[in-house]
Amino acid sequence: MAVTLADVARLAGVSPATVSRVINDSAKRVNEDLRERVLAAVRQLHYVPNAHAQNVARPRKSAVGVIVHDVSDPYFAEITRGLQRQAGAHDRLLVICNSYREPERELAYVGLLRAQQVHALILAGSGYHDDAFTERLNGELDAYQQAGGRVAVIGRHRLVGSAVLPANEDGAHELGLRILGLGHRRIGVIAGPRYLTTTTDRLTGFRRAFDEAGVELPASRLVYCDFTRDGGARATGALLDAEPGLTALITLNDSMAVGALATLRERGVRVPEDISVTGFDDMPIARDVTPALTTVRLPLVEMGERAMALALGDDTGPHSERAAAALVWRSSLTAPGSS
């Protein structure tokens, strides 16, 4: 039989209400002698509080809801590590939901997490180019905040709440200038889905670098696909078929770069002797592929930690923080014709 709160009260010789105040850390204090008796009884009986009952008595105190696109994606896995690290330091339970880049699923999760009265909501991952959806989502988040909830976002520009904003455009601009500075002119770009703001931000940075160098990026050299290894592999094949003679291949995340390297290897195209390849994010695998991948590093674990700190901090006002990007030079990028 499960041990109940009443069992603890009987052993400690106190009322169930006193046990409840001790276990739930009530603002109505219990004197130290009674508190020790209750805790001793809890230990002796190996009592485990009912989480549902605690949530009713103490709403929004223990859980933080997190919505990511897909926690199995290395990008979100790294961010989640940071979220969990900071949540653990504050004794918070993390409830993680995968939206799989489906806006309606994301909106539904916000509603479900609100119903669970979580202390805070964190939305990690790209926003969508969908004004109607953004307005609906902001309505839900604003109502949640008005009821006392906290909201923090990662990589979103137009949502209510505090934000951690990675320097996607600046990082892409710096990498683009470096690639062009090496002398590359026949450059292919593999972008993520059109409807994601992260894709737009990174493309904007590369386009700005191309414009500054006076180099054209024809539409035939730009392919959109999923932010996945397989998406990168397929897009690389399509680019090689449509645009033979490319000297550099820019991919907008490292997972797509891994797929690009696989396709190039299958076709006997040497990297970087025949074509250079770059990524974005600096996933742990970026240094282990062959050749090691030149990429743009974002502090993903730190971004997760900072978002959780914003959600759990004492300051309830909205704040925006920038997460700097840094170029990481490895052997997959070199000047054209340097073999």
C-alpha atoms as a PDB file:
ATOM      1  CA  MET A   1       0.000   0.000   0.000  1.00  0.00           C
ATOM      2  CA  ALA A   2       1.232   3.483  -0.805  1.00  0.00           C
ATOM      3  CA  VAL A   3       2.154   5.630   2.165  1.00  0.00           C
ATOM      4  CA  THR A   4      -0.219   8.598   2.506  1.00  0.00           C
ATOM      5  CA  LEU A   5       0.092  12.051   3.972  1.00  0.00           C
ATOM      6  CA  ALA A   6      -2.228  10.915   6.771  1.00  0.00           C
ATOM      7  CA  ASP A   7       0.211   8.105   7.645  1.00  0.00           C
ATOM      8  CA  VAL A   8       3.003  10.648   8.005  1.00  0.00           C
ATOM      9  CA  ALA A   9       0.788  12.845  10.189  1.00  0.00           C
ATOM     10  CA  ARG A  10      -0.059   9.943  12.518  1.00  0.00           C
ATOM     11  CA  LEU A  11       3.582   8.914  12.944  1.00  0.00           C
ATOM     12  CA  ALA A  12       4.712  12.491  13.543  1.00  0.00           C
ATOM     13  CA  GLY A  13       1.817  13.224  15.893  1.00  0.00           C
ATOM     14  CA  VAL A  14       0.709  16.303  13.973  1.00  0.00           C
ATOM     15  CA  SER A  15      -2.218  17.278  11.787  1.00  0.00           C
ATOM     16  CA  PRO A  16      -2.280  16.498   8.053  1.00  0.00           C
ATOM     17  CA  ALA A  17      -2.367  20.260   7.437  1.00  0.00           C
ATOM     18  CA  THR A  18       0.972  20.631   9.251  1.00  0.00           C
ATOM     19  CA  VAL A  19       2.508  17.854   7.160  1.00  0.00           C
ATOM     20  CA  SER A  20       1.230  19.550   4.015  1.00  0.00           C
ATOM     21  CA  ARG A  21       2.737  22.894   5.002  1.00  0.00           C
ATOM     22  CA  VAL A  22       6.145  21.290   5.624  1.00  0.00           C
ATOM     23  CA  ILE A  23       6.186  19.233   2.425  1.00  0.00           C
ATOM     24  CA  ASN A  24       4.929  22.074   0.234  1.00  0.00           C
ATOM     25  CA  ASP A  25       7.226  24.636   1.868  1.00  0.00           C
ATOM     26  CA  SER A  26       4.226  26.796   2.693  1.00  0.00           C
ATOM     27  CA  ALA A  27       4.562  30.490   3.420  1.00  0.00           C
ATOM     28  CA  LYS A  28       2.728  29.740   6.684  1.00  0.00           C
ATOM     29  CA  ARG A  29       5.719  28.621   8.740  1.00  0.00           C
ATOM     30  CA  VAL A  30       5.873  25.571  11.015  1.00  0.00           C
ATOM     31  CA  ASN A  31       8.047  25.689  14.148  1.00  0.00           C
ATOM     32  CA  GLU A  32      11.325  23.851  13.879  1.00  0.00           C
ATOM     33  CA  ASP A  33      10.450  21.048  16.302  1.00  0.00           C
ATOM     34  CA  LEU A  34       7.309  20.081  14.381  1.00  0.00           C
ATOM     35  CA  ARG A  35       9.131  20.434  11.082  1.00  0.00           C
ATOM     36  CA  GLU A  36      11.840  17.986  12.180  1.00  0.00           C
ATOM     37  CA  ARG A  37       9.227  15.489  13.402  1.00  0.00           C
ATOM     38  CA  VAL A  38       7.460  15.609  10.055  1.00  0.00           C
ATOM     39  CA  LEU A  39      10.689  15.201   8.083  1.00  0.00           C
ATOM     40  CA  ALA A  40      11.765  12.296  10.285  1.00  0.00           C
ATOM     41  CA  ALA A  41       8.434  10.571   9.646  1.00  0.00           C
ATOM     42  CA  VAL A  42       8.796  11.187   5.891  1.00  0.00           C
ATOM     43  CA  ARG A  43      12.210   9.523   5.931  1.00  0.00           C
ATOM     44  CA  GLN A  44      11.082   6.600   8.079  1.00  0.00           C
ATOM     45  CA  LEU A  45       8.046   5.850   5.900  1.00  0.00           C
ATOM     46  CA  HIS A  46       9.830   6.635   2.597  1.00  0.00           C
ATOM     47  CA  TYR A  47       6.931   8.924   1.760  1.00  0.00           C
ATOM     48  CA  VAL A  48       6.818  10.366  -1.784  1.00  0.00           C
ATOM     49  CA  PRO A  49       4.497  13.405  -2.205  1.00  0.00           C
ATOM     50  CA  ASN A  50       1.739  13.215  -4.794  1.00  0.00           C
ATOM     51  CA  ALA A  51       2.938  15.454  -7.624  1.00  0.00           C
ATOM     52  CA  HIS A  52      -0.585  16.205  -8.840  1.00  0.00           C
ATOM     53  CA  ALA A  53      -1.757  17.230  -5.403  1.00  0.00           C
ATOM     54  CA  GLN A  54       1.318  19.404  -4.974  1.00  0.00           C
ATOM     55  CA  ASN A  55       0.632  21.105  -8.273  1.00  0.00           C
ATOM     56  CA  VAL A  56      -2.891  21.964  -7.145  1.00  0.00           C
ATOM     57  CA  ALA A  57      -1.624  23.335  -3.849  1.00  0.00           C
ATOM     58  CA  ARG A  58       1.442  25.015  -5.292  1.00  0.00           C
ATOM     59  CA  PRO A  59       0.779  25.900  -8.965  1.00  0.00           C
ATOM     60  CA  ARG A  60       3.492  27.065 -11.380  1.00  0.00           C
ATOM     61  CA  LYS A  61       6.296  26.378  -8.904  1.00  0.00           C
ATOM     62  CA  SER A  62       8.147  23.298 -10.059  1.00  0.00           C
ATOM     63  CA  ALA A  63       7.837  22.782 -13.842  1.00  0.00           C
ATOM     64  CA  VAL A  64       9.046  24.646 -16.908  1.00  0.00           C
ATOM     65  CA  GLY A  65       7.566  23.828 -20.304  1.00  0.00           C
ATOM     66  CA  VAL A  66       9.970  23.800 -23.256  1.00  0.00           C
ATOM     67  CA  ILE A  67       8.909  23.580 -26.895  1.00  0.00           C
ATOM     68  CA  VAL A  68      11.617  22.662 -29.423  1.00  0.00           C
ATOM     69  CA  HIS A  69      11.371  21.650 -33.051  1.00  0.00           C
ATOM     70  CA  ASP A  70      12.950  18.235 -32.479  1.00  0.00           C
ATOM     71  CA  VAL A  71      15.107  17.316 -29.487  1.00  0.00           C
ATOM     72  CA  SER A  72      16.836  14.609 -31.564  1.00  0.00           C
ATOM     73  CA  ASP A  73      18.226  17.354 -33.825  1.00  0.00           C
ATOM     74  CA  PRO A  74      21.804  18.093 -32.602  1.00  0.00           C
ATOM     75  CA  TYR A  75      21.046  21.844 -32.546  1.00  0.00           C
ATOM     76  CA  PHE A  76      18.162  21.418 -30.111  1.00  0.00           C
ATOM     77  CA  ALA A  77      19.924  18.668 -28.173  1.00  0.00           C
ATOM     78  CA  GLU A  78      22.716  21.122 -27.326  1.00  0.00           C
ATOM     79  CA  ILE A  79      20.269  23.875 -26.358  1.00  0.00           C
ATOM     80  CA  THR A  80      18.331  21.394 -24.213  1.00  0.00           C
ATOM     81  CA  ARG A  81      21.536  20.478 -22.370  1.00  0.00           C
ATOM     82  CA  GLY A  82      21.833  24.106 -21.326  1.00  0.00           C
ATOM     83  CA  LEU A  83      18.172  24.300 -20.355  1.00  0.00           C
ATOM     84  CA  GLN A  84      18.446  21.170 -18.229  1.00  0.00           C
ATOM     85  CA  ARG A  85      21.642  22.333 -16.556  1.00  0.00           C
ATOM     86  CA  GLN A  86      20.052  25.592 -15.422  1.00  0.00           C
ATOM     87  CA  ALA A  87      16.741  23.913 -14.525  1.00  0.00           C
ATOM     88  CA  GLY A  88      18.561  21.393 -12.340  1.00  0.00           C
ATOM     89  CA  ALA A  89      20.359  24.172 -10.520  1.00  0.00           C
ATOM     90  CA  HIS A  90      16.937  25.630  -9.637  1.00  0.00           C
ATOM     91  CA  ASP A  91      15.295  22.263  -8.811  1.00  0.00           C
ATOM     92  CA  ARG A  92      12.882  22.586 -11.714  1.00  0.00           C
ATOM     93  CA  LEU A  93      11.247  19.824 -13.712  1.00  0.00           C
ATOM     94  CA  LEU A  94      11.647  20.243 -17.479  1.00  0.00           C
ATOM     95  CA  VAL A  95       8.710  19.230 -19.682  1.00  0.00           C
ATOM     96  CA  ILE A  96       9.971  18.985 -23.289  1.00  0.00           C
ATOM     97  CA  CYS A  97       7.614  19.001 -26.282  1.00  0.00           C
ATOM     98  CA  ASN A  98       8.603  18.442 -29.929  1.00  0.00           C
ATOM     99  CA  SER A  99       6.684  20.573 -32.424  1.00  0.00           C
ATOM    100  CA  TYR A 100       8.406  19.023 -35.486  1.00  0.00           C
ATOM    101  CA  ARG A 101       8.220  22.496 -37.087  1.00  0.00           C
ATOM    102  CA  GLU A 102       4.407  22.291 -37.195  1.00  0.00           C
ATOM    103  CA  PRO A 103       2.951  25.640 -36.078  1.00  0.00           C
ATOM    104  CA  GLU A 104      -0.433  24.231 -35.044  1.00  0.00           C
ATOM    105  CA  ARG A 105       1.209  21.557 -32.914  1.00  0.00           C
ATOM    106  CA  GLU A 106       3.289  24.272 -31.250  1.00  0.00           C
ATOM    107  CA  LEU A 107       0.202  26.325 -30.490  1.00  0.00           C
ATOM    108  CA  ALA A 108      -1.534  23.268 -29.036  1.00  0.00           C
ATOM    109  CA  TYR A 109       1.428  22.572 -26.750  1.00  0.00           C
ATOM    110  CA  VAL A 110       1.339  26.145 -25.452  1.00  0.00           C
ATOM    111  CA  GLY A 111      -2.294  25.605 -24.488  1.00  0.00           C
ATOM    112  CA  LEU A 112      -1.573  22.266 -22.808  1.00  0.00           C
ATOM    113  CA  LEU A 113       1.366  23.644 -20.846  1.00  0.00           C
ATOM    114  CA  ARG A 114      -0.705  26.638 -19.753  1.00  0.00           C
ATOM    115  CA  ALA A 115      -3.364  24.219 -18.481  1.00  0.00           C
ATOM    116  CA  GLN A 116      -0.671  22.448 -16.443  1.00  0.00           C
ATOM    117  CA  GLN A 117       0.176  25.806 -14.811  1.00  0.00           C
ATOM    118  CA  VAL A 118       3.897  25.533 -15.490  1.00  0.00           C
ATOM    119  CA  HIS A 119       6.016  28.253 -13.964  1.00  0.00           C
ATOM    120  CA  ALA A 120       7.479  29.314 -17.324  1.00  0.00           C
ATOM    121  CA  LEU A 121       7.357  28.598 -21.041  1.00  0.00           C
ATOM    122  CA  ILE A 122      10.451  28.514 -23.243  1.00  0.00           C
ATOM    123  CA  LEU A 123      10.150  28.337 -27.034  1.00  0.00           C
ATOM    124  CA  ALA A 124      13.406  27.309 -28.672  1.00  0.00           C
ATOM    125  CA  GLY A 125      14.008  27.377 -32.396  1.00  0.00           C
ATOM    126  CA  SER A 126      13.181  29.397 -35.435  1.00  0.00           C
ATOM    127  CA  GLY A 127      10.082  31.502 -35.897  1.00  0.00           C
ATOM    128  CA  TYR A 128       7.764  31.182 -38.872  1.00  0.00           C
ATOM    129  CA  HIS A 129       6.990  33.562 -41.716  1.00  0.00           C
ATOM    130  CA  ASP A 130       3.292  33.460 -40.885  1.00  0.00           C
ATOM    131  CA  ASP A 131       1.785  36.683 -39.533  1.00  0.00           C
ATOM    132  CA  ALA A 132      -1.575  35.145 -38.655  1.00  0.00           C
ATOM    133  CA  PHE A 133       0.013  32.322 -36.682  1.00  0.00           C
ATOM    134  CA  THR A 134       2.397  34.693 -34.907  1.00  0.00           C
ATOM    135  CA  GLU A 135      -0.533  36.865 -33.828  1.00  0.00           C
ATOM    136  CA  ARG A 136      -2.421  33.852 -32.458  1.00  0.00           C
ATOM    137  CA  LEU A 137       0.635  32.566 -30.615  1.00  0.00           C
ATOM    138  CA  ASN A 138       1.367  35.981 -29.127  1.00  0.00           C
ATOM    139  CA  GLY A 139      -2.230  36.126 -27.914  1.00  0.00           C
ATOM    140  CA  GLU A 140      -1.768  32.838 -26.040  1.00  0.00           C
ATOM    141  CA  LEU A 141       1.597  33.868 -24.611  1.00  0.00           C
ATOM    142  CA  ASP A 142       0.362  37.298 -23.560  1.00  0.00           C
ATOM    143  CA  ALA A 143      -2.611  35.780 -21.723  1.00  0.00           C
ATOM    144  CA  TYR A 144      -0.252  33.360 -19.988  1.00  0.00           C
ATOM    145  CA  GLN A 145       1.996  36.217 -18.889  1.00  0.00           C
ATOM    146  CA  GLN A 146      -0.962  38.245 -17.650  1.00  0.00           C
ATOM    147  CA  ALA A 147      -1.829  35.295 -15.396  1.00  0.00           C
ATOM    148  CA  GLY A 148       1.666  35.367 -13.881  1.00  0.00           C
ATOM    149  CA  GLY A 149       3.567  33.021 -16.203  1.00  0.00           C
ATOM    150  CA  ARG A 150       7.012  33.740 -17.613  1.00  0.00           C
ATOM    151  CA  VAL A 151       8.002  33.468 -21.286  1.00  0.00           C
ATOM    152  CA  ALA A 152      11.452  33.216 -22.837  1.00  0.00           C
ATOM    153  CA  VAL A 153      12.281  32.448 -26.469  1.00  0.00           C
ATOM    154  CA  ILE A 154      15.409  31.468 -28.369  1.00  0.00           C
ATOM    155  CA  GLY A 155      15.907  32.686 -31.917  1.00  0.00           C
ATOM    156  CA  ARG A 156      12.524  34.391 -32.231  1.00  0.00           C
ATOM    157  CA  HIS A 157      12.133  38.060 -33.164  1.00  0.00           C
ATOM    158  CA  ARG A 158       8.436  38.797 -32.881  1.00  0.00           C
ATOM    159  CA  LEU A 159       7.151  36.946 -29.829  1.00  0.00           C
ATOM    160  CA  VAL A 160       6.304  38.418 -26.448  1.00  0.00           C
ATOM    161  CA  GLY A 161       8.610  37.714 -23.512  1.00  0.00           C
ATOM    162  CA  SER A 162      12.359  37.744 -23.054  1.00  0.00           C
ATOM    163  CA  ALA A 163      14.611  36.523 -25.852  1.00  0.00           C
ATOM    164  CA  VAL A 164      18.033  35.083 -26.549  1.00  0.00           C
ATOM    165  CA  LEU A 165      18.861  36.007 -30.143  1.00  0.00           C
ATOM    166  CA  PRO A 166      21.729  34.205 -31.895  1.00  0.00           C
ATOM    167  CA  ALA A 167      23.750  36.372 -34.287  1.00  0.00           C
ATOM    168  CA  ASN A 168      22.770  34.334 -37.342  1.00  0.00           C
ATOM    169  CA  GLU A 169      23.061  37.181 -39.831  1.00  0.00           C
ATOM    170  CA  ASP A 170      26.385  38.467 -38.493  1.00  0.00           C
ATOM    171  CA  GLY A 171      27.912  34.995 -38.453  1.00  0.00           C
ATOM    172  CA  ALA A 172      26.810  34.278 -42.024  1.00  0.00           C
ATOM    173  CA  HIS A 173      28.132  37.650 -43.170  1.00  0.00           C
ATOM    174  CA  GLU A 174      31.569  36.992 -41.674  1.00  0.00           C
ATOM    175  CA  LEU A 175      31.785  33.506 -43.178  1.00  0.00           C
ATOM    176  CA  GLY A 176      30.590  34.791 -46.562  1.00  0.00           C
ATOM    177  CA  LEU A 177      33.289  37.466 -46.641  1.00  0.00           C
ATOM    178  CA  ARG A 178      35.942  34.872 -45.759  1.00  0.00           C
ATOM    179  CA  ILE A 179      34.823  32.500 -48.539  1.00  0.00           C
ATOM    180  CA  LEU A 180      34.749  35.310 -51.098  1.00  0.00           C
ATOM    181  CA  GLY A 181      38.068  36.634 -49.845  1.00  0.00           C
ATOM    182  CA  LEU A 182      39.685  33.314 -50.730  1.00  0.00           C
ATOM    183  CA  GLY A 183      38.660  33.883 -54.350  1.00  0.00           C
ATOM    184  CA  HIS A 184      35.574  31.693 -54.645  1.00  0.00           C
ATOM    185  CA  ARG A 185      33.011  32.952 -57.154  1.00  0.00           C
ATOM    186  CA  ARG A 186      31.122  29.839 -58.271  1.00  0.00           C
ATOM    187  CA  ILE A 187      29.387  29.175 -54.974  1.00  0.00           C
ATOM    188  CA  GLY A 188      26.350  27.027 -54.258  1.00  0.00           C
ATOM    189  CA  VAL A 189      24.123  27.583 -51.214  1.00  0.00           C
ATOM    190  CA  ILE A 190      21.993  24.953 -49.471  1.00  0.00           C
ATOM    191  CA  ALA A 191      19.387  26.722 -47.331  1.00  0.00           C
ATOM    192  CA  GLY A 192      16.831  25.479 -44.816  1.00  0.00           C
ATOM    193  CA  PRO A 193      13.052  25.694 -45.236  1.00  0.00           C
ATOM    194  CA  ARG A 194      11.800  28.980 -46.709  1.00  0.00           C
ATOM    195  CA  TYR A 195       9.158  29.458 -44.005  1.00  0.00           C
ATOM    196  CA  LEU A 196      11.671  29.631 -41.121  1.00  0.00           C
ATOM    197  CA  THR A 197      13.104  32.953 -39.980  1.00  0.00           C
ATOM    198  CA  THR A 198      16.457  31.324 -39.198  1.00  0.00           C
ATOM    199  CA  THR A 199      16.834  30.484 -42.895  1.00  0.00           C
ATOM    200  CA  THR A 200      16.078  34.091 -43.820  1.00  0.00           C
ATOM    201  CA  ASP A 201      18.491  35.515 -41.222  1.00  0.00           C
ATOM    202  CA  ARG A 202      21.403  33.374 -42.385  1.00  0.00           C
ATOM    203  CA  LEU A 203      20.691  33.925 -46.062  1.00  0.00           C
ATOM    204  CA  THR A 204      20.515  37.673 -45.436  1.00  0.00           C
ATOM    205  CA  GLY A 205      24.011  37.605 -43.966  1.00  0.00           C
ATOM    206  CA  PHE A 206      25.435  35.702 -46.926  1.00  0.00           C
ATOM    207  CA  ARG A 207      23.647  37.907 -49.453  1.00  0.00           C
ATOM    208  CA  ARG A 208      25.041  41.005 -47.737  1.00  0.00           C
ATOM    209  CA  ALA A 209      28.552  39.614 -48.092  1.00  0.00           C
ATOM    210  CA  PHE A 210      27.959  38.795 -51.770  1.00  0.00           C
ATOM    211  CA  ASP A 211      26.621  42.298 -52.415  1.00  0.00           C
ATOM    212  CA  GLU A 212      29.605  43.923 -50.726  1.00  0.00           C
ATOM    213  CA  ALA A 213      31.961  41.864 -52.875  1.00  0.00           C
ATOM    214  CA  GLY A 214      29.979  42.555 -56.046  1.00  0.00           C
ATOM    215  CA  VAL A 215      29.341  38.853 -56.597  1.00  0.00           C
ATOM    216  CA  GLU A 216      26.030  37.519 -57.895  1.00  0.00           C
ATOM    217  CA  LEU A 217      24.199  34.564 -56.334  1.00  0.00           C
ATOM    218  CA  PRO A 218      22.005  33.215 -59.142  1.00  0.00           C
ATOM    219  CA  ALA A 219      18.768  31.470 -58.196  1.00  0.00           C
ATOM    220  CA  SER A 220      20.058  28.296 -59.865  1.00  0.00           C
ATOM    221  CA  ARG A 221      22.781  28.047 -57.216  1.00  0.00           C
ATOM    222  CA  LEU A 222      20.413  28.259 -54.245  1.00  0.00           C
ATOM    223  CA  VAL A 223      18.491  25.185 -53.081  1.00  0.00           C
ATOM    224  CA  TYR A 224      16.039  24.990 -50.167  1.00  0.00           C
ATOM    225  CA  CYS A 225      15.606  21.768 -48.203  1.00  0.00           C
ATOM    226  CA  ASP A 226      15.058  20.391 -44.710  1.00  0.00           C
ATOM    227  CA  PHE A 227      17.592  21.244 -41.994  1.00  0.00           C
ATOM    228  CA  THR A 228      18.705  17.580 -42.007  1.00  0.00           C
ATOM    229  CA  ARG A 229      21.560  15.361 -43.124  1.00  0.00           C
ATOM    230  CA  ASP A 230      19.405  13.738 -45.813  1.00  0.00           C
ATOM    231  CA  GLY A 231      18.137  17.115 -46.984  1.00  0.00           C
ATOM    232  CA  GLY A 232      21.723  18.290 -47.445  1.00  0.00           C
ATOM    233  CA  ALA A 233      22.659  15.137 -49.315  1.00  0.00           C
ATOM    234  CA  ARG A 234      19.792  15.452 -51.785  1.00  0.00           C
ATOM    235  CA  ALA A 235      20.327  19.183 -52.304  1.00  0.00           C
ATOM    236  CA  THR A 236      24.029  18.645 -52.990  1.00  0.00           C
ATOM    237  CA  GLY A 237      23.232  16.135 -55.713  1.00  0.00           C
ATOM    238  CA  ALA A 238      20.759  18.555 -57.283  1.00  0.00           C
ATOM    239  CA  LEU A 239      23.277  21.420 -57.225  1.00  0.00           C
ATOM    240  CA  LEU A 240      26.085  19.332 -58.713  1.00  0.00           C
ATOM    241  CA  ASP A 241      23.802  18.248 -61.551  1.00  0.00           C
ATOM    242  CA  ALA A 242      22.499  21.757 -62.253  1.00  0.00           C
ATOM    243  CA  GLU A 243      25.708  23.725 -61.689  1.00  0.00           C
ATOM    244  CA  PRO A 244      28.859  21.742 -62.515  1.00  0.00           C
ATOM    245  CA  GLY A 245      32.075  23.520 -61.671  1.00  0.00           C
ATOM    246  CA  LEU A 246      31.153  24.891 -58.253  1.00  0.00           C
ATOM    247  CA  THR A 247      34.218  25.626 -56.126  1.00  0.00           C
ATOM    248  CA  ALA A 248      32.446  26.149 -52.795  1.00  0.00           C
ATOM    249  CA  LEU A 249      29.291  24.873 -51.135  1.00  0.00           C
ATOM    250  CA  ILE A 250      27.703  26.828 -48.275  1.00  0.00           C
ATOM    251  CA  THR A 251      25.227  24.925 -46.114  1.00  0.00           C
ATOM    252  CA  LEU A 252      23.121  26.704 -43.526  1.00  0.00           C
ATOM    253  CA  ASN A 253      23.653  24.138 -40.784  1.00  0.00           C
ATOM    254  CA  ASP A 254      26.137  21.397 -39.934  1.00  0.00           C
ATOM    255  CA  SER A 255      23.689  18.509 -40.367  1.00  0.00           C
ATOM    256  CA  MET A 256      23.175  19.484 -44.013  1.00  0.00           C
ATOM    257  CA  ALA A 257      26.951  19.837 -44.398  1.00  0.00           C
ATOM    258  CA  VAL A 258      27.411  16.244 -43.223  1.00  0.00           C
ATOM    259  CA  GLY A 259      24.959  15.120 -45.906  1.00  0.00           C
ATOM    260  CA  ALA A 260      26.789  17.239 -48.486  1.00  0.00           C
ATOM    261  CA  LEU A 261      30.116  15.609 -47.597  1.00  0.00           C
ATOM    262  CA  ALA A 262      28.540  12.159 -47.983  1.00  0.00           C
ATOM    263  CA  THR A 263      27.199  12.943 -51.474  1.00  0.00           C
ATOM    264  CA  LEU A 264      30.511  14.452 -52.572  1.00  0.00           C
ATOM    265  CA  ARG A 265      32.375  11.394 -51.310  1.00  0.00           C
ATOM    266  CA  GLU A 266      29.994   9.067 -53.190  1.00  0.00           C
ATOM    267  CA  ARG A 267      30.620  11.021 -56.401  1.00  0.00           C
ATOM    268  CA  GLY A 268      34.377  11.047 -55.972  1.00  0.00           C
ATOM    269  CA  VAL A 269      34.542  14.824 -55.484  1.00  0.00           C
ATOM    270  CA  ARG A 270      37.403  15.754 -53.161  1.00  0.00           C
ATOM    271  CA  VAL A 271      36.942  18.218 -50.286  1.00  0.00           C
ATOM    272  CA  PRO A 272      38.511  20.759 -50.202  1.00  0.00           C
ATOM    273  CA  GLU A 273      40.695  20.096 -53.272  1.00  0.00           C
ATOM    274  CA  ASP A 274      37.808  20.102 -55.757  1.00  0.00           C
ATOM    275  CA  ILE A 275      35.178  21.938 -53.715  1.00  0.00           C
ATOM    276  CA  SER A 276      35.118  23.599 -50.299  1.00  0.00           C
ATOM    277  CA  VAL A 277      32.244  22.988 -47.872  1.00  0.00           C
ATOM    278  CA  THR A 278      31.096  25.057 -44.893  1.00  0.00           C
ATOM    279  CA  GLY A 279      28.433  24.591 -42.242  1.00  0.00           C
ATOM    280  CA  PHE A 280      26.788  26.570 -39.456  1.00  0.00           C
ATOM    281  CA  ASP A 281      26.271  26.032 -35.673  1.00  0.00           C
ATOM    282  CA  ASP A 282      29.459  24.043 -34.830  1.00  0.00           C
ATOM    283  CA  MET A 283      27.815  20.821 -33.716  1.00  0.00           C
ATOM    284  CA  PRO A 284      30.139  18.387 -31.890  1.00  0.00           C
ATOM    285  CA  ILE A 285      30.353  16.271 -35.067  1.00  0.00           C
ATOM    286  CA  ALA A 286      31.762  19.201 -37.074  1.00  0.00           C
ATOM    287  CA  ARG A 287      35.284  18.593 -35.819  1.00  0.00           C
ATOM    288  CA  ASP A 288      35.098  14.813 -36.304  1.00  0.00           C
ATOM    289  CA  VAL A 289      33.977  14.525 -39.953  1.00  0.00           C
ATOM    290  CA  THR A 290      36.600  14.209 -42.676  1.00  0.00           C
ATOM    291  CA  PRO A 291      37.690  16.799 -43.500  1.00  0.00           C
ATOM    292  CA  ALA A 292      36.889  18.742 -40.336  1.00  0.00           C
ATOM    293  CA  LEU A 293      34.206  21.304 -41.054  1.00  0.00           C
ATOM    294  CA  THR A 294      34.668  25.054 -41.277  1.00  0.00           C
ATOM    295  CA  THR A 295      31.568  26.504 -39.651  1.00  0.00           C
ATOM    296  CA  VAL A 296      30.062  29.280 -37.563  1.00  0.00           C
ATOM    297  CA  ARG A 297      29.913  28.575 -33.864  1.00  0.00           C
ATOM    298  CA  LEU A 298      26.881  29.521 -31.817  1.00  0.00           C
ATOM    299  CA  PRO A 299      27.057  29.036 -28.024  1.00  0.00           C
ATOM    300  CA  LEU A 300      24.125  26.624 -28.022  1.00  0.00           C
ATOM    301  CA  VAL A 301      24.449  25.239 -24.489  1.00  0.00           C
ATOM    302  CA  GLU A 302      24.932  28.757 -23.162  1.00  0.00           C
ATOM    303  CA  MET A 303      21.880  29.940 -25.119  1.00  0.00           C
ATOM    304  CA  GLY A 304      19.795  27.336 -23.311  1.00  0.00           C
ATOM    305  CA  GLU A 305      21.216  28.350 -19.942  1.00  0.00           C
ATOM    306  CA  ARG A 306      20.571  32.038 -20.603  1.00  0.00           C
ATOM    307  CA  ALA A 307      16.986  31.432 -21.729  1.00  0.00           C
ATOM    308  CA  MET A 308      16.250  29.432 -18.581  1.00  0.00           C
ATOM    309  CA  ALA A 309      17.867  32.121 -16.428  1.00  0.00           C
ATOM    310  CA  LEU A 310      15.604  34.729 -18.039  1.00  0.00           C
ATOM    311  CA  ALA A 311      12.560  32.550 -17.424  1.00  0.00           C
ATOM    312  CA  LEU A 312      13.414  31.925 -13.768  1.00  0.00           C
ATOM    313  CA  GLY A 313      14.967  35.280 -12.860  1.00  0.00           C
ATOM    314  CA  ASP A 314      13.526  37.804 -10.462  1.00  0.00           C
ATOM    315  CA  ASP A 315      13.122  40.533 -13.087  1.00  0.00           C
ATOM    316  CA  THR A 316       9.738  40.069 -14.735  1.00  0.00           C
ATOM    317  CA  GLY A 317      10.285  42.635 -17.503  1.00  0.00           C
ATOM    318  CA  PRO A 318      11.082  41.456 -21.045  1.00  0.00           C
ATOM    319  CA  HIS A 319      14.766  41.469 -21.985  1.00  0.00           C
ATOM    320  CA  SER A 320      16.678  40.614 -25.158  1.00  0.00           C
ATOM    321  CA  GLU A 321      20.183  39.198 -25.125  1.00  0.00           C
ATOM    322  CA  ARG A 322      22.473  38.633 -28.082  1.00  0.00           C
ATOM    323  CA  ALA A 323      24.382  35.370 -28.471  1.00  0.00           C
ATOM    324  CA  ALA A 324      27.521  36.098 -30.487  1.00  0.00           C
ATOM    325  CA  ALA A 325      28.616  33.978 -33.454  1.00  0.00           C
ATOM    326  CA  ALA A 326      32.246  33.100 -34.165  1.00  0.00           C
ATOM    327  CA  LEU A 327      33.914  31.706 -37.287  1.00  0.00           C
ATOM    328  CA  VAL A 328      35.636  28.340 -36.737  1.00  0.00           C
ATOM    329  CA  TRP A 329      38.230  27.643 -39.427  1.00  0.00           C
ATOM    330  CA  ARG A 330      38.927  24.003 -40.234  1.00  0.00           C
ATOM    331  CA  SER A 331      40.241  22.059 -43.215  1.00  0.00           C
ATOM    332  CA  SER A 332      37.057  21.800 -45.335  1.00  0.00           C
ATOM    333  CA  LEU A 333      37.597  25.351 -46.687  1.00  0.00           C
ATOM    334  CA  THR A 334      40.504  26.525 -48.786  1.00  0.00           C
ATOM    335  CA  ALA A 335      41.178  28.726 -51.799  1.00  0.00           C
ATOM    336  CA  PRO A 336      39.869  27.403 -55.148  1.00  0.00           C
ATOM    337  CA  GLY A 337      42.350  25.400 -57.176  1.00  0.00           C
ATOM    338  CA  SER A 338      44.754  25.008 -54.268  1.00  0.00           C
ATOM    339  CA  SER A 339      45.308  21.273 -54.768  1.00  0.00           C
END
